[in-house]
Protein backbone atom coordinates (compact mmCIF):
# COMPACT_ATOMS: atom_id res chain seq x y z
CA UNK A 1 191.50 34.86 99.05
CA UNK A 2 187.86 35.76 98.45
CA UNK A 3 187.92 34.01 95.09
CA UNK A 4 189.25 30.77 96.61
CA UNK A 5 186.59 30.82 99.32
CA UNK A 6 183.92 31.65 96.74
CA UNK A 7 185.05 28.59 94.76
CA UNK A 8 184.22 26.45 97.79
CA UNK A 9 187.57 25.94 99.51
CA UNK A 10 187.60 25.68 103.29
CA UNK A 11 189.63 28.06 105.43
CA UNK A 12 192.29 25.37 105.84
CA UNK A 13 192.44 24.69 102.09
CA UNK A 14 192.57 28.40 101.29
CA UNK A 15 195.33 28.88 103.84
CA UNK A 16 197.33 26.04 102.34
CA UNK A 17 197.02 27.59 98.86
CA UNK A 18 198.19 30.97 100.14
CA UNK A 19 200.75 29.69 102.68
CA UNK A 20 198.92 31.24 105.64
CA UNK A 21 197.05 29.71 108.56
CA UNK A 22 193.35 28.95 108.58
CA UNK A 23 193.03 31.53 111.38
CA UNK A 24 194.52 34.19 109.11
CA UNK A 25 191.99 33.29 106.43
CA UNK A 26 189.19 33.48 109.01
CA UNK A 27 190.38 36.91 110.16
CA UNK A 28 190.52 38.30 106.63
CA UNK A 29 187.13 36.82 105.77
CA UNK A 30 185.57 38.53 108.78
CA UNK A 31 186.87 41.85 107.46
CA UNK A 32 185.76 41.11 103.89
CA UNK A 33 182.28 40.07 105.04
CA UNK A 34 181.94 43.22 107.18
CA UNK A 35 183.03 45.55 104.36
CA UNK A 36 180.69 43.88 101.89
CA UNK A 37 177.89 43.63 104.47
CA UNK A 38 177.40 39.92 103.85
CA UNK A 39 177.08 36.99 106.23
CA UNK A 40 177.45 33.82 104.15
CA UNK A 41 179.98 32.30 101.77
CA UNK A 42 177.19 31.89 99.22
CA UNK A 43 176.75 35.66 99.16
CA UNK A 44 180.48 36.06 98.58
CA UNK A 45 180.32 33.59 95.70
CA UNK A 46 177.50 35.60 94.09
CA UNK A 47 179.46 38.84 94.39
CA UNK A 48 182.62 37.27 92.97
CA UNK A 49 180.70 35.83 90.02
CA UNK A 50 179.15 39.26 89.35
CA UNK A 51 182.61 40.81 89.41
CA UNK A 52 183.84 38.19 86.94
CA UNK A 53 181.01 39.10 84.56
CA UNK A 54 182.09 42.74 84.51
CA UNK A 55 185.88 42.30 84.50
CA UNK A 56 187.90 43.42 82.75
CA UNK A 57 186.11 46.71 82.19
CA UNK A 58 185.48 47.70 78.58
CA UNK A 59 186.72 44.34 77.31
CA UNK A 60 190.35 45.16 77.98
CA UNK A 61 192.48 42.55 79.66
CA UNK A 62 195.64 42.97 81.62
CA UNK A 63 198.42 44.20 79.43
CA UNK A 64 196.07 45.66 76.85
CA UNK A 65 197.65 48.41 74.85
CA UNK A 66 201.16 47.05 75.17
């Protein structure tokens, strides 16, 4: 959900992608923003992009070692 919002989707668009209501998206975003101590979608986008830079850890993708 956070990634979709960080990409610029509205609550309604995010809800449609995830098959939930826009109110559900809003509720989850409130919790995400509080846990991350942020107030704006732009701040969320910055955090998501930073996560993308450091994931996967140690250059290993999902399924590595199989």
